[in-house]
Amino acid sequence: MTPYDNAHEEDKLNSNERTSLTKPSRAEAEAAVETLLKWAGDDPSREGLIDTPARVARAYEEFFSGYEDNPEEMLARTFEEVDGYDDMVMLRDISLQSHCEHHMVPILGKAHIAYLPDRRVVGISKLARVLDSFGRRLQTQETMTAQVASAIQNALKPLGVAILVDAQHQCMTTRGVKKADVSMVTTRFTGVFKEQADLRERFYQQINLR
């Protein structure tokens, strides 16, 4: 079993654990938000906060909708009519929004994803959808980077995958050490991208093209 298969199996186990959890009702979620508002020192019954618990619950449904997705199914439809194309396929500057699993505050940045096809390619919007699917979960950037690469590797079986994520974490920029404008960079390379330094260099060069 390869490292990519191990990562795939681990993600399936984590998914099974999540689906076995009993999801609270909308009313319970809104009550929890009301409790937090009181804990913060405000009055949930005042005009500006009356509808806040419901708004937060709706926002969380959107922020964390990735738990309902199967990223590899998004990559299931592929195309082989590429007239022999056998070079890198890359999406640059894909906007990323996620939430830190330690403090539940935003992670905001960009991702660059590339793969070297082995006869099959996928619609380019699907790569962005896979990123969104993993981003719309409570995450660490390191885990998310690995998950995206593994999903593409397992679903498309390309010769290799490369991903670089560059993002700011509000758990660091707006609280704690409060270091504004600091971004975190993570990468994951599989297959030929991991084996061939010149291909990795091409990937980095493509990111910086303007």
N, C-alpha and C. Protein backbone atom coordinates (compact mmCIF):
# COMPACT_ATOMS: atom_id res chain seq x y z
N MET A 1 0.85 -1.19 0.00
CA MET A 1 0.00 0.00 0.00
C MET A 1 0.88 1.24 0.00
N THR A 2 0.59 2.20 -0.90
CA THR A 2 1.41 3.40 -1.02
C THR A 2 1.02 4.43 0.04
N PRO A 3 1.86 5.47 0.25
CA PRO A 3 1.49 6.54 1.17
C PRO A 3 0.18 7.21 0.77
N TYR A 4 -0.10 7.29 -0.56
CA TYR A 4 -1.33 7.92 -1.00
C TYR A 4 -2.52 7.06 -0.59
N ASP A 5 -2.38 5.74 -0.71
CA ASP A 5 -3.46 4.84 -0.30
C ASP A 5 -3.68 4.93 1.20
N ASN A 6 -2.60 5.02 1.97
CA ASN A 6 -2.72 5.16 3.42
C ASN A 6 -3.50 6.40 3.78
N ALA A 7 -3.16 7.52 3.11
CA ALA A 7 -3.86 8.77 3.39
C ALA A 7 -5.34 8.64 3.01
N HIS A 8 -5.61 7.94 1.89
CA HIS A 8 -6.98 7.74 1.44
C HIS A 8 -7.76 6.92 2.46
N GLU A 9 -7.17 5.85 2.95
CA GLU A 9 -7.84 5.00 3.93
C GLU A 9 -8.08 5.77 5.23
N GLU A 10 -7.10 6.58 5.63
CA GLU A 10 -7.27 7.35 6.86
C GLU A 10 -8.42 8.34 6.73
N ASP A 11 -8.53 8.99 5.55
CA ASP A 11 -9.61 9.93 5.34
C ASP A 11 -10.96 9.22 5.37
N LYS A 12 -11.03 8.00 4.81
CA LYS A 12 -12.28 7.25 4.85
C LYS A 12 -12.65 6.90 6.28
N LEU A 13 -11.66 6.53 7.10
CA LEU A 13 -11.94 6.22 8.49
C LEU A 13 -12.45 7.45 9.22
N ASN A 14 -11.80 8.59 8.99
CA ASN A 14 -12.25 9.82 9.62
C ASN A 14 -13.66 10.17 9.20
N SER A 15 -13.97 9.94 7.91
CA SER A 15 -15.32 10.21 7.41
C SER A 15 -16.34 9.31 8.08
N ASN A 16 -15.99 8.03 8.25
CA ASN A 16 -16.91 7.10 8.91
C ASN A 16 -17.15 7.50 10.36
N GLU A 17 -16.09 7.98 11.03
CA GLU A 17 -16.25 8.43 12.41
C GLU A 17 -17.19 9.62 12.48
N ARG A 18 -17.08 10.54 11.51
CA ARG A 18 -17.94 11.71 11.51
C ARG A 18 -19.39 11.33 11.29
N THR A 19 -19.64 10.39 10.33
CA THR A 19 -21.02 10.03 10.03
C THR A 19 -21.66 9.27 11.18
N SER A 20 -20.85 8.70 12.08
CA SER A 20 -21.42 7.98 13.21
C SER A 20 -21.82 8.92 14.35
N LEU A 21 -21.40 10.19 14.28
CA LEU A 21 -21.76 11.14 15.31
C LEU A 21 -23.22 11.54 15.17
N THR A 22 -23.86 11.80 16.31
CA THR A 22 -25.23 12.28 16.30
C THR A 22 -25.22 13.79 16.14
N LYS A 23 -25.77 14.26 15.04
CA LYS A 23 -25.76 15.70 14.76
C LYS A 23 -26.83 16.39 15.57
N PRO A 24 -26.47 17.45 16.30
CA PRO A 24 -27.48 18.19 17.06
C PRO A 24 -28.51 18.82 16.14
N SER A 25 -29.65 19.15 16.70
CA SER A 25 -30.70 19.82 15.93
C SER A 25 -30.32 21.28 15.70
N ARG A 26 -31.04 21.91 14.76
CA ARG A 26 -30.82 23.34 14.53
C ARG A 26 -31.10 24.14 15.81
N ALA A 27 -32.14 23.76 16.54
CA ALA A 27 -32.48 24.47 17.77
C ALA A 27 -31.35 24.36 18.80
N GLU A 28 -30.74 23.17 18.89
CA GLU A 28 -29.63 22.99 19.82
C GLU A 28 -28.42 23.83 19.42
N ALA A 29 -28.18 23.90 18.11
CA ALA A 29 -27.06 24.71 17.63
C ALA A 29 -27.29 26.18 17.94
N GLU A 30 -28.51 26.66 17.71
CA GLU A 30 -28.80 28.06 17.99
C GLU A 30 -28.72 28.35 19.49
N ALA A 31 -29.13 27.41 20.30
CA ALA A 31 -29.03 27.59 21.75
C ALA A 31 -27.57 27.68 22.19
N ALA A 32 -26.70 26.92 21.53
CA ALA A 32 -25.27 26.97 21.86
C ALA A 32 -24.70 28.34 21.52
N VAL A 33 -25.11 28.91 20.40
CA VAL A 33 -24.65 30.25 20.03
C VAL A 33 -25.14 31.28 21.04
N GLU A 34 -26.38 31.13 21.46
CA GLU A 34 -26.92 32.05 22.47
C GLU A 34 -26.11 31.98 23.75
N THR A 35 -25.70 30.76 24.12
CA THR A 35 -24.86 30.60 25.32
C THR A 35 -23.53 31.32 25.15
N LEU A 36 -22.94 31.20 23.99
CA LEU A 36 -21.66 31.87 23.74
C LEU A 36 -21.82 33.39 23.79
N LEU A 37 -22.93 33.90 23.28
CA LEU A 37 -23.16 35.34 23.35
C LEU A 37 -23.23 35.81 24.80
N LYS A 38 -23.91 35.05 25.62
CA LYS A 38 -23.98 35.38 27.05
C LYS A 38 -22.61 35.30 27.69
N TRP A 39 -21.86 34.24 27.34
CA TRP A 39 -20.52 34.06 27.90
C TRP A 39 -19.60 35.20 27.50
N ALA A 40 -19.80 35.74 26.29
CA ALA A 40 -19.00 36.87 25.83
C ALA A 40 -19.34 38.16 26.58
N GLY A 41 -20.50 38.18 27.26
CA GLY A 41 -20.87 39.34 28.05
C GLY A 41 -21.96 40.20 27.45
N ASP A 42 -22.65 39.67 26.42
CA ASP A 42 -23.69 40.46 25.77
C ASP A 42 -25.06 39.85 26.06
N ASP A 43 -26.09 40.56 25.61
CA ASP A 43 -27.47 40.16 25.86
C ASP A 43 -28.09 39.65 24.56
N PRO A 44 -28.30 38.34 24.44
CA PRO A 44 -28.85 37.79 23.20
C PRO A 44 -30.25 38.30 22.86
N SER A 45 -30.93 38.92 23.82
CA SER A 45 -32.29 39.39 23.57
C SER A 45 -32.33 40.82 23.04
N ARG A 46 -31.16 41.49 22.98
CA ARG A 46 -31.20 42.86 22.45
C ARG A 46 -31.40 42.81 20.94
N GLU A 47 -31.87 43.93 20.39
CA GLU A 47 -32.32 43.96 19.00
C GLU A 47 -31.29 43.44 18.00
N GLY A 48 -30.04 43.85 18.15
CA GLY A 48 -29.01 43.48 17.18
C GLY A 48 -28.62 42.01 17.23
N LEU A 49 -28.97 41.32 18.32
CA LEU A 49 -28.55 39.93 18.49
C LEU A 49 -29.69 38.93 18.45
N ILE A 50 -30.92 39.42 18.34
CA ILE A 50 -32.06 38.49 18.41
C ILE A 50 -31.95 37.37 17.38
N ASP A 51 -31.59 37.72 16.16
CA ASP A 51 -31.52 36.71 15.10
C ASP A 51 -30.12 36.16 14.87
N THR A 52 -29.17 36.57 15.71
CA THR A 52 -27.79 36.12 15.50
C THR A 52 -27.62 34.61 15.62
N PRO A 53 -28.20 33.93 16.61
CA PRO A 53 -28.03 32.47 16.66
C PRO A 53 -28.47 31.76 15.38
N ALA A 54 -29.59 32.20 14.79
CA ALA A 54 -30.06 31.58 13.55
C ALA A 54 -29.12 31.91 12.39
N ARG A 55 -28.64 33.14 12.35
CA ARG A 55 -27.72 33.53 11.28
C ARG A 55 -26.41 32.75 11.38
N VAL A 56 -25.91 32.58 12.60
CA VAL A 56 -24.66 31.83 12.78
C VAL A 56 -24.84 30.37 12.36
N ALA A 57 -25.97 29.78 12.71
CA ALA A 57 -26.22 28.39 12.32
C ALA A 57 -26.25 28.25 10.80
N ARG A 58 -26.89 29.20 10.12
CA ARG A 58 -26.93 29.14 8.66
C ARG A 58 -25.53 29.34 8.07
N ALA A 59 -24.77 30.25 8.66
CA ALA A 59 -23.40 30.48 8.18
C ALA A 59 -22.55 29.23 8.36
N TYR A 60 -22.71 28.54 9.49
CA TYR A 60 -21.93 27.33 9.74
C TYR A 60 -22.28 26.23 8.75
N GLU A 61 -23.55 26.17 8.35
CA GLU A 61 -23.93 25.20 7.33
C GLU A 61 -23.13 25.42 6.04
N GLU A 62 -22.91 26.68 5.71
CA GLU A 62 -22.14 27.00 4.51
C GLU A 62 -20.65 26.80 4.73
N PHE A 63 -20.13 27.30 5.86
CA PHE A 63 -18.70 27.20 6.14
C PHE A 63 -18.23 25.76 6.17
N PHE A 64 -19.05 24.85 6.70
CA PHE A 64 -18.63 23.48 6.94
C PHE A 64 -19.40 22.47 6.10
N SER A 65 -19.84 22.90 4.94
CA SER A 65 -20.60 22.01 4.05
C SER A 65 -19.74 20.91 3.46
N GLY A 66 -18.42 21.02 3.57
CA GLY A 66 -17.53 20.01 3.01
C GLY A 66 -17.67 18.64 3.64
N TYR A 67 -18.21 18.58 4.86
CA TYR A 67 -18.40 17.28 5.50
C TYR A 67 -19.41 16.41 4.74
N GLU A 68 -20.25 17.04 3.93
CA GLU A 68 -21.26 16.30 3.18
C GLU A 68 -20.74 15.86 1.81
N ASP A 69 -19.52 16.28 1.44
CA ASP A 69 -19.00 16.01 0.11
C ASP A 69 -18.14 14.74 0.06
N ASN A 70 -18.05 14.18 -1.12
CA ASN A 70 -17.08 13.14 -1.42
C ASN A 70 -16.17 13.68 -2.52
N PRO A 71 -14.99 14.20 -2.16
CA PRO A 71 -14.13 14.86 -3.15
C PRO A 71 -13.75 13.97 -4.33
N GLU A 72 -13.52 12.69 -4.07
CA GLU A 72 -13.11 11.82 -5.17
C GLU A 72 -14.23 11.60 -6.18
N GLU A 73 -15.48 11.65 -5.73
CA GLU A 73 -16.59 11.54 -6.67
C GLU A 73 -16.64 12.74 -7.59
N MET A 74 -16.17 13.89 -7.11
CA MET A 74 -16.13 15.08 -7.96
C MET A 74 -15.18 14.90 -9.14
N LEU A 75 -14.21 14.01 -8.98
CA LEU A 75 -13.21 13.78 -10.01
C LEU A 75 -13.52 12.55 -10.86
N ALA A 76 -14.70 11.99 -10.68
CA ALA A 76 -15.01 10.70 -11.32
C ALA A 76 -15.14 10.83 -12.84
N ARG A 77 -15.64 11.95 -13.33
CA ARG A 77 -15.83 12.11 -14.77
C ARG A 77 -14.54 12.67 -15.38
N THR A 78 -13.90 11.89 -16.22
CA THR A 78 -12.65 12.29 -16.85
C THR A 78 -12.77 12.23 -18.36
N PHE A 79 -11.77 12.76 -19.04
CA PHE A 79 -11.77 12.82 -20.50
C PHE A 79 -10.44 12.28 -21.03
N GLU A 80 -10.52 11.47 -22.07
CA GLU A 80 -9.32 10.90 -22.67
C GLU A 80 -9.00 11.50 -24.04
N GLU A 81 -9.91 12.27 -24.60
CA GLU A 81 -9.68 12.88 -25.91
C GLU A 81 -8.89 14.18 -25.74
N VAL A 82 -7.58 14.03 -25.57
CA VAL A 82 -6.71 15.19 -25.34
C VAL A 82 -5.64 15.32 -26.41
N ASP A 83 -5.80 14.59 -27.52
CA ASP A 83 -4.89 14.67 -28.67
C ASP A 83 -3.44 14.46 -28.26
N GLY A 84 -3.24 13.54 -27.33
CA GLY A 84 -1.88 13.19 -26.94
C GLY A 84 -1.23 14.15 -25.95
N TYR A 85 -2.00 15.09 -25.39
CA TYR A 85 -1.42 16.04 -24.44
C TYR A 85 -0.85 15.28 -23.24
N ASP A 86 0.42 15.56 -22.91
CA ASP A 86 1.07 14.81 -21.83
C ASP A 86 1.93 15.71 -20.95
N ASP A 87 1.56 16.99 -20.86
CA ASP A 87 2.34 17.92 -20.04
C ASP A 87 1.52 18.33 -18.82
N MET A 88 2.11 19.18 -18.00
CA MET A 88 1.49 19.62 -16.77
C MET A 88 0.17 20.34 -17.02
N VAL A 89 -0.80 20.05 -16.17
CA VAL A 89 -2.06 20.80 -16.12
C VAL A 89 -2.08 21.51 -14.78
N MET A 90 -2.27 22.83 -14.79
CA MET A 90 -2.12 23.59 -13.56
C MET A 90 -3.20 24.65 -13.41
N LEU A 91 -3.70 24.79 -12.20
CA LEU A 91 -4.57 25.90 -11.82
C LEU A 91 -3.82 26.75 -10.80
N ARG A 92 -3.69 28.05 -11.11
CA ARG A 92 -3.02 28.96 -10.20
C ARG A 92 -4.03 29.85 -9.48
N ASP A 93 -3.61 30.31 -8.32
CA ASP A 93 -4.35 31.36 -7.60
C ASP A 93 -5.80 30.99 -7.34
N ILE A 94 -6.05 29.77 -6.88
CA ILE A 94 -7.40 29.37 -6.50
C ILE A 94 -7.67 29.92 -5.10
N SER A 95 -8.68 30.73 -4.96
CA SER A 95 -8.96 31.31 -3.65
C SER A 95 -9.36 30.21 -2.66
N LEU A 96 -8.90 30.36 -1.44
CA LEU A 96 -9.13 29.36 -0.40
C LEU A 96 -9.72 30.02 0.84
N GLN A 97 -10.79 29.41 1.35
CA GLN A 97 -11.37 29.82 2.62
C GLN A 97 -11.61 28.57 3.45
N SER A 98 -11.02 28.55 4.62
CA SER A 98 -11.22 27.42 5.52
C SER A 98 -11.28 27.95 6.95
N HIS A 99 -11.33 27.03 7.92
CA HIS A 99 -11.37 27.42 9.32
C HIS A 99 -10.42 26.55 10.13
N CYS A 100 -9.66 27.19 10.97
CA CYS A 100 -8.70 26.51 11.83
C CYS A 100 -9.44 25.62 12.84
N GLU A 101 -9.02 24.38 12.93
CA GLU A 101 -9.70 23.46 13.85
C GLU A 101 -9.35 23.71 15.31
N HIS A 102 -8.33 24.53 15.56
CA HIS A 102 -7.93 24.81 16.94
C HIS A 102 -8.69 25.99 17.53
N HIS A 103 -9.01 27.01 16.70
CA HIS A 103 -9.68 28.19 17.22
C HIS A 103 -10.96 28.54 16.46
N MET A 104 -11.26 27.81 15.38
CA MET A 104 -12.47 28.02 14.59
C MET A 104 -12.53 29.43 14.00
N VAL A 105 -11.37 29.93 13.59
CA VAL A 105 -11.32 31.23 12.92
C VAL A 105 -10.82 31.01 11.50
N PRO A 106 -11.02 31.99 10.61
CA PRO A 106 -10.74 31.76 9.19
C PRO A 106 -9.27 31.54 8.84
N ILE A 107 -9.08 30.72 7.83
CA ILE A 107 -7.82 30.57 7.09
C ILE A 107 -8.12 31.07 5.68
N LEU A 108 -7.38 32.09 5.24
CA LEU A 108 -7.67 32.73 3.96
C LEU A 108 -6.41 32.77 3.11
N GLY A 109 -6.52 32.34 1.87
CA GLY A 109 -5.33 32.37 1.03
C GLY A 109 -5.60 31.87 -0.37
N LYS A 110 -4.55 31.30 -0.96
CA LYS A 110 -4.63 30.78 -2.32
C LYS A 110 -3.93 29.44 -2.40
N ALA A 111 -4.37 28.65 -3.38
CA ALA A 111 -3.73 27.37 -3.64
C ALA A 111 -3.38 27.28 -5.12
N HIS A 112 -2.31 26.54 -5.40
CA HIS A 112 -1.89 26.27 -6.77
C HIS A 112 -1.80 24.74 -6.90
N ILE A 113 -2.52 24.19 -7.86
CA ILE A 113 -2.62 22.74 -8.00
C ILE A 113 -2.23 22.34 -9.42
N ALA A 114 -1.39 21.31 -9.53
CA ALA A 114 -1.00 20.80 -10.84
C ALA A 114 -0.97 19.28 -10.80
N TYR A 115 -1.17 18.69 -11.97
CA TYR A 115 -0.98 17.24 -12.10
C TYR A 115 -0.45 16.95 -13.48
N LEU A 116 0.23 15.84 -13.61
CA LEU A 116 0.75 15.37 -14.90
C LEU A 116 -0.11 14.19 -15.31
N PRO A 117 -0.99 14.38 -16.30
CA PRO A 117 -1.97 13.34 -16.62
C PRO A 117 -1.34 12.08 -17.22
N ASP A 118 -2.00 10.98 -16.96
CA ASP A 118 -1.65 9.71 -17.60
C ASP A 118 -2.86 9.30 -18.43
N ARG A 119 -2.99 9.93 -19.59
CA ARG A 119 -4.07 9.71 -20.57
C ARG A 119 -5.37 10.41 -20.20
N ARG A 120 -5.67 10.60 -18.90
CA ARG A 120 -6.95 11.16 -18.52
C ARG A 120 -6.78 12.55 -17.92
N VAL A 121 -7.72 13.45 -18.26
CA VAL A 121 -7.77 14.76 -17.62
C VAL A 121 -9.17 14.95 -17.05
N VAL A 122 -9.29 15.96 -16.20
CA VAL A 122 -10.57 16.24 -15.55
C VAL A 122 -10.92 17.70 -15.81
N GLY A 123 -12.20 18.02 -15.79
CA GLY A 123 -12.62 19.41 -15.93
C GLY A 123 -11.96 20.27 -14.87
N ILE A 124 -11.40 21.41 -15.28
CA ILE A 124 -10.56 22.17 -14.35
C ILE A 124 -11.33 22.69 -13.14
N SER A 125 -12.63 22.95 -13.30
CA SER A 125 -13.38 23.43 -12.14
C SER A 125 -13.43 22.40 -11.03
N LYS A 126 -13.26 21.13 -11.40
CA LYS A 126 -13.32 20.07 -10.39
C LYS A 126 -12.16 20.16 -9.40
N LEU A 127 -11.00 20.63 -9.86
CA LEU A 127 -9.87 20.78 -8.94
C LEU A 127 -10.20 21.83 -7.89
N ALA A 128 -10.82 22.92 -8.31
CA ALA A 128 -11.21 23.96 -7.35
C ALA A 128 -12.29 23.44 -6.40
N ARG A 129 -13.18 22.61 -6.92
CA ARG A 129 -14.24 22.05 -6.06
C ARG A 129 -13.66 21.11 -5.00
N VAL A 130 -12.65 20.35 -5.38
CA VAL A 130 -12.02 19.46 -4.41
C VAL A 130 -11.36 20.28 -3.30
N LEU A 131 -10.68 21.36 -3.68
CA LEU A 131 -10.08 22.24 -2.67
C LEU A 131 -11.15 22.80 -1.74
N ASP A 132 -12.26 23.28 -2.32
CA ASP A 132 -13.34 23.82 -1.50
C ASP A 132 -13.91 22.77 -0.57
N SER A 133 -14.05 21.55 -1.07
CA SER A 133 -14.64 20.48 -0.27
C SER A 133 -13.84 20.24 1.01
N PHE A 134 -12.52 20.16 0.87
CA PHE A 134 -11.69 19.96 2.06
C PHE A 134 -11.56 21.25 2.87
N GLY A 135 -11.60 22.40 2.19
CA GLY A 135 -11.51 23.66 2.90
C GLY A 135 -12.72 23.93 3.78
N ARG A 136 -13.88 23.45 3.36
CA ARG A 136 -15.10 23.69 4.12
C ARG A 136 -15.28 22.66 5.23
N ARG A 137 -14.21 22.48 5.95
CA ARG A 137 -14.19 21.62 7.13
C ARG A 137 -13.25 22.28 8.13
N LEU A 138 -13.35 21.89 9.40
CA LEU A 138 -12.35 22.35 10.36
C LEU A 138 -11.03 21.68 10.00
N GLN A 139 -9.96 22.49 9.86
CA GLN A 139 -8.76 21.97 9.24
C GLN A 139 -7.49 22.50 9.89
N THR A 140 -6.40 21.78 9.64
CA THR A 140 -5.07 22.38 9.67
C THR A 140 -4.62 22.47 8.22
N GLN A 141 -3.80 23.45 7.92
CA GLN A 141 -3.39 23.63 6.53
C GLN A 141 -2.57 22.45 6.04
N GLU A 142 -1.76 21.87 6.93
CA GLU A 142 -0.95 20.73 6.53
C GLU A 142 -1.83 19.55 6.10
N THR A 143 -2.86 19.26 6.92
CA THR A 143 -3.75 18.15 6.59
C THR A 143 -4.50 18.40 5.30
N MET A 144 -5.03 19.60 5.14
CA MET A 144 -5.79 19.93 3.94
C MET A 144 -4.94 19.79 2.69
N THR A 145 -3.71 20.25 2.74
CA THR A 145 -2.81 20.15 1.59
C THR A 145 -2.61 18.69 1.20
N ALA A 146 -2.37 17.84 2.19
CA ALA A 146 -2.18 16.42 1.92
C ALA A 146 -3.45 15.77 1.40
N GLN A 147 -4.61 16.16 1.95
CA GLN A 147 -5.87 15.56 1.53
C GLN A 147 -6.18 15.86 0.06
N VAL A 148 -5.96 17.11 -0.35
CA VAL A 148 -6.24 17.48 -1.74
C VAL A 148 -5.37 16.68 -2.69
N ALA A 149 -4.06 16.61 -2.38
CA ALA A 149 -3.15 15.86 -3.24
C ALA A 149 -3.54 14.38 -3.31
N SER A 150 -3.88 13.80 -2.18
CA SER A 150 -4.23 12.38 -2.15
C SER A 150 -5.51 12.10 -2.92
N ALA A 151 -6.50 13.00 -2.80
CA ALA A 151 -7.75 12.80 -3.52
C ALA A 151 -7.53 12.81 -5.03
N ILE A 152 -6.73 13.76 -5.51
CA ILE A 152 -6.45 13.84 -6.95
C ILE A 152 -5.65 12.62 -7.40
N GLN A 153 -4.65 12.23 -6.61
CA GLN A 153 -3.82 11.08 -6.96
C GLN A 153 -4.66 9.80 -7.02
N ASN A 154 -5.53 9.61 -6.06
CA ASN A 154 -6.32 8.38 -6.01
C ASN A 154 -7.41 8.34 -7.08
N ALA A 155 -8.01 9.48 -7.37
CA ALA A 155 -9.12 9.50 -8.32
C ALA A 155 -8.65 9.48 -9.77
N LEU A 156 -7.63 10.26 -10.10
CA LEU A 156 -7.20 10.39 -11.49
C LEU A 156 -6.07 9.43 -11.87
N LYS A 157 -5.33 8.94 -10.87
CA LYS A 157 -4.16 8.10 -11.13
C LYS A 157 -3.20 8.79 -12.12
N PRO A 158 -2.87 10.07 -11.88
CA PRO A 158 -1.94 10.75 -12.78
C PRO A 158 -0.51 10.29 -12.50
N LEU A 159 0.43 10.78 -13.30
CA LEU A 159 1.84 10.48 -13.05
C LEU A 159 2.35 11.20 -11.82
N GLY A 160 1.67 12.25 -11.43
CA GLY A 160 2.07 12.97 -10.22
C GLY A 160 1.18 14.17 -9.97
N VAL A 161 1.18 14.62 -8.72
CA VAL A 161 0.38 15.77 -8.29
C VAL A 161 1.29 16.73 -7.53
N ALA A 162 1.04 18.03 -7.70
CA ALA A 162 1.75 19.05 -6.94
C ALA A 162 0.74 20.06 -6.43
N ILE A 163 0.90 20.47 -5.18
CA ILE A 163 0.03 21.49 -4.62
C ILE A 163 0.84 22.37 -3.69
N LEU A 164 0.59 23.67 -3.76
CA LEU A 164 1.16 24.64 -2.83
C LEU A 164 0.03 25.50 -2.31
N VAL A 165 -0.07 25.62 -1.00
CA VAL A 165 -1.08 26.46 -0.35
C VAL A 165 -0.37 27.57 0.40
N ASP A 166 -0.81 28.80 0.18
CA ASP A 166 -0.24 29.99 0.82
C ASP A 166 -1.40 30.73 1.48
N ALA A 167 -1.45 30.73 2.82
CA ALA A 167 -2.63 31.26 3.49
C ALA A 167 -2.28 31.96 4.80
N GLN A 168 -3.14 32.90 5.16
CA GLN A 168 -3.03 33.57 6.45
C GLN A 168 -4.03 32.95 7.42
N HIS A 169 -3.58 32.80 8.66
CA HIS A 169 -4.40 32.20 9.71
C HIS A 169 -4.77 33.27 10.72
N GLN A 170 -6.05 33.53 10.86
CA GLN A 170 -6.46 34.58 11.77
C GLN A 170 -6.26 34.21 13.23
N CYS A 171 -6.01 32.93 13.50
CA CYS A 171 -5.65 32.56 14.87
C CYS A 171 -4.27 33.11 15.23
N MET A 172 -3.51 33.50 14.21
CA MET A 172 -2.19 34.10 14.44
C MET A 172 -2.17 35.59 14.14
N THR A 173 -2.95 36.03 13.16
CA THR A 173 -2.90 37.43 12.76
C THR A 173 -3.79 38.33 13.60
N THR A 174 -4.87 37.80 14.18
CA THR A 174 -5.80 38.65 14.94
C THR A 174 -5.86 38.32 16.43
N ARG A 175 -5.17 37.27 16.85
CA ARG A 175 -5.14 36.89 18.28
C ARG A 175 -3.76 36.33 18.58
N GLY A 176 -3.56 35.93 19.84
CA GLY A 176 -2.28 35.32 20.19
C GLY A 176 -1.12 36.27 19.95
N VAL A 177 -0.19 35.88 19.09
CA VAL A 177 0.99 36.71 18.83
C VAL A 177 0.64 37.92 17.97
N LYS A 178 -0.51 37.91 17.27
CA LYS A 178 -0.99 39.05 16.49
C LYS A 178 0.06 39.56 15.51
N LYS A 179 0.55 38.67 14.68
CA LYS A 179 1.52 39.03 13.64
C LYS A 179 0.80 39.18 12.31
N ALA A 180 0.48 40.41 11.96
CA ALA A 180 -0.25 40.67 10.73
C ALA A 180 0.60 40.35 9.50
N ASP A 181 -0.07 39.99 8.43
CA ASP A 181 0.55 39.78 7.12
C ASP A 181 1.48 38.57 7.06
N VAL A 182 1.45 37.71 8.06
CA VAL A 182 2.24 36.48 8.02
C VAL A 182 1.42 35.40 7.33
N SER A 183 2.02 34.76 6.35
CA SER A 183 1.33 33.65 5.68
C SER A 183 2.10 32.36 5.88
N MET A 184 1.38 31.27 5.79
CA MET A 184 1.96 29.94 5.95
C MET A 184 1.92 29.25 4.59
N VAL A 185 3.02 28.58 4.22
CA VAL A 185 3.11 27.89 2.95
C VAL A 185 3.30 26.40 3.20
N THR A 186 2.46 25.59 2.57
CA THR A 186 2.60 24.13 2.65
C THR A 186 2.58 23.56 1.24
N THR A 187 3.26 22.45 1.06
CA THR A 187 3.32 21.79 -0.24
C THR A 187 3.15 20.29 -0.07
N ARG A 188 2.72 19.66 -1.15
CA ARG A 188 2.72 18.19 -1.21
C ARG A 188 2.97 17.80 -2.66
N PHE A 189 3.91 16.88 -2.85
CA PHE A 189 4.25 16.38 -4.17
C PHE A 189 4.12 14.87 -4.18
N THR A 190 3.55 14.34 -5.26
CA THR A 190 3.46 12.89 -5.41
C THR A 190 4.04 12.50 -6.76
N GLY A 191 4.35 11.23 -6.91
CA GLY A 191 4.79 10.70 -8.20
C GLY A 191 5.99 11.43 -8.77
N VAL A 192 5.90 11.80 -10.04
CA VAL A 192 7.04 12.40 -10.73
C VAL A 192 7.41 13.76 -10.15
N PHE A 193 6.45 14.47 -9.56
CA PHE A 193 6.78 15.75 -8.95
C PHE A 193 7.68 15.55 -7.72
N LYS A 194 7.46 14.46 -7.03
CA LYS A 194 8.30 14.16 -5.86
C LYS A 194 9.67 13.64 -6.29
N GLU A 195 9.69 12.92 -7.41
CA GLU A 195 10.92 12.27 -7.85
C GLU A 195 11.84 13.19 -8.66
N GLN A 196 11.27 14.16 -9.35
CA GLN A 196 12.05 14.94 -10.31
C GLN A 196 12.12 16.41 -9.89
N ALA A 197 13.32 16.84 -9.51
CA ALA A 197 13.52 18.21 -9.04
C ALA A 197 13.21 19.23 -10.14
N ASP A 198 13.53 18.90 -11.39
CA ASP A 198 13.30 19.85 -12.47
C ASP A 198 11.80 20.09 -12.69
N LEU A 199 10.96 19.07 -12.45
CA LEU A 199 9.52 19.24 -12.60
C LEU A 199 8.97 20.10 -11.46
N ARG A 200 9.50 19.89 -10.26
CA ARG A 200 9.09 20.75 -9.15
C ARG A 200 9.47 22.20 -9.44
N GLU A 201 10.66 22.41 -10.00
CA GLU A 201 11.10 23.76 -10.31
C GLU A 201 10.17 24.41 -11.35
N ARG A 202 9.75 23.64 -12.35
CA ARG A 202 8.79 24.15 -13.33
C ARG A 202 7.49 24.55 -12.66
N PHE A 203 7.06 23.75 -11.71
CA PHE A 203 5.83 24.06 -10.96
C PHE A 203 5.98 25.40 -10.25
N TYR A 204 7.09 25.60 -9.54
CA TYR A 204 7.32 26.86 -8.84
C TYR A 204 7.39 28.03 -9.82
N GLN A 205 8.03 27.82 -10.95
CA GLN A 205 8.13 28.88 -11.95
C GLN A 205 6.76 29.25 -12.50
N GLN A 206 5.92 28.26 -12.71
CA GLN A 206 4.59 28.53 -13.24
C GLN A 206 3.76 29.34 -12.24
N ILE A 207 3.94 29.09 -10.97
CA ILE A 207 3.23 29.85 -9.94
C ILE A 207 3.55 31.34 -10.05
N ASN A 208 4.80 31.65 -10.33
CA ASN A 208 5.27 33.02 -10.33
C ASN A 208 5.12 33.74 -11.67
N LEU A 209 4.58 33.05 -12.68
CA LEU A 209 4.37 33.70 -13.97
C LEU A 209 3.34 34.82 -13.85
N ARG A 210 3.63 35.93 -14.45
CA ARG A 210 2.69 37.06 -14.44
C ARG A 210 2.65 37.69 -15.84
